[in-house]
């Protein structure tokens, strides 16, 4: 199971879900600052932040991000924030 958050609202929910499931979380660029990323990682959350902004309203950008996540986590269920 892998979680993908596109907005600030979604990242809070995804991180809470991931903590209880020991699941990786991918987040859109800029949703968490460096201190938050470090804190969550120090708590054991496998957290990846994209190096670029993914426009949640741009279906092709979102699909490209999903494909990137699937390359890193093949055959896993991907839970993505619905925007």
Protein backbone atom coordinates (compact mmCIF):
# COMPACT_ATOMS: atom_id res chain seq x y z
CA UNK A 1 0.00 0.00 0.00
CA UNK A 2 1.29 3.45 -1.01
CA UNK A 3 -0.25 6.87 -0.32
CA UNK A 4 -0.07 9.93 -2.58
CA UNK A 5 -1.03 13.39 -1.31
CA UNK A 6 -1.52 16.35 -3.63
CA UNK A 7 -2.72 19.07 -1.20
CA UNK A 8 -2.08 20.23 2.36
CA UNK A 9 -5.39 18.78 3.47
CA UNK A 10 -4.57 15.43 1.90
CA UNK A 11 -1.08 15.19 3.33
CA UNK A 12 -2.40 15.32 6.90
CA UNK A 13 -4.83 12.48 6.21
CA UNK A 14 -2.31 10.37 4.29
CA UNK A 15 0.35 10.69 6.96
CA UNK A 16 -2.09 9.60 9.66
CA UNK A 17 -3.12 6.58 7.58
CA UNK A 18 0.46 5.69 6.72
CA UNK A 19 1.62 5.82 10.33
CA UNK A 20 -0.80 3.06 11.28
CA UNK A 21 -0.04 0.95 8.21
CA UNK A 22 3.74 1.37 7.87
CA UNK A 23 3.13 2.48 4.27
CA UNK A 24 5.19 4.82 2.08
CA UNK A 25 3.83 8.30 1.43
CA UNK A 26 4.57 10.47 -1.61
CA UNK A 27 3.73 14.16 -1.33
CA UNK A 28 3.49 17.03 -3.74
CA UNK A 29 6.36 19.51 -3.64
CA UNK A 30 6.03 22.24 -1.05
CA UNK A 31 3.43 20.58 1.15
CA UNK A 32 5.96 19.90 3.90
CA UNK A 33 9.00 21.99 4.77
CA UNK A 34 12.39 20.43 5.49
CA UNK A 35 11.78 20.30 9.25
CA UNK A 36 8.46 18.49 8.80
CA UNK A 37 10.00 16.03 6.34
CA UNK A 38 12.80 15.28 8.80
CA UNK A 39 10.36 14.91 11.71
CA UNK A 40 8.09 12.46 9.89
CA UNK A 41 11.08 10.48 8.62
CA UNK A 42 12.55 10.32 12.13
CA UNK A 43 9.22 8.83 13.25
CA UNK A 44 9.75 6.03 10.76
CA UNK A 45 7.49 7.19 7.93
CA UNK A 46 8.86 6.38 4.48
CA UNK A 47 8.27 9.78 2.93
CA UNK A 48 9.11 10.94 -0.59
CA UNK A 49 8.51 14.49 -1.73
CA UNK A 50 8.36 15.29 -5.42
CA UNK A 51 11.00 17.71 -6.70
CA UNK A 52 8.41 19.58 -8.72
CA UNK A 53 4.86 20.86 -8.23
CA UNK A 54 2.09 18.63 -9.56
CA UNK A 55 -0.99 20.64 -10.47
CA UNK A 56 -3.89 18.64 -8.96
CA UNK A 57 -6.22 19.94 -11.67
CA UNK A 58 -3.96 18.75 -14.51
CA UNK A 59 -4.85 15.11 -15.16
CA UNK A 60 -1.78 14.47 -17.31
CA UNK A 61 0.58 15.79 -14.61
CA UNK A 62 -1.15 13.70 -11.96
CA UNK A 63 -0.99 10.61 -14.20
CA UNK A 64 2.75 11.14 -14.80
CA UNK A 65 3.29 11.32 -11.03
CA UNK A 66 1.27 8.13 -10.53
CA UNK A 67 3.43 6.37 -13.11
CA UNK A 68 6.56 7.50 -11.27
CA UNK A 69 5.21 6.14 -7.99
CA UNK A 70 4.26 2.85 -9.65
CA UNK A 71 7.81 2.48 -11.00
CA UNK A 72 9.09 2.60 -7.43
CA UNK A 73 6.30 0.50 -5.89
CA UNK A 74 5.17 -2.00 -8.54
CA UNK A 75 2.26 -4.29 -7.73
CA UNK A 76 1.21 -2.25 -4.69
CA UNK A 77 -2.16 -0.62 -4.16
CA UNK A 78 -1.93 3.15 -4.56
CA UNK A 79 -4.27 5.34 -2.52
CA UNK A 80 -4.38 8.82 -3.99
CA UNK A 81 -6.06 11.89 -2.62
CA UNK A 82 -9.13 12.78 -4.65
CA UNK A 83 -9.08 16.46 -5.51
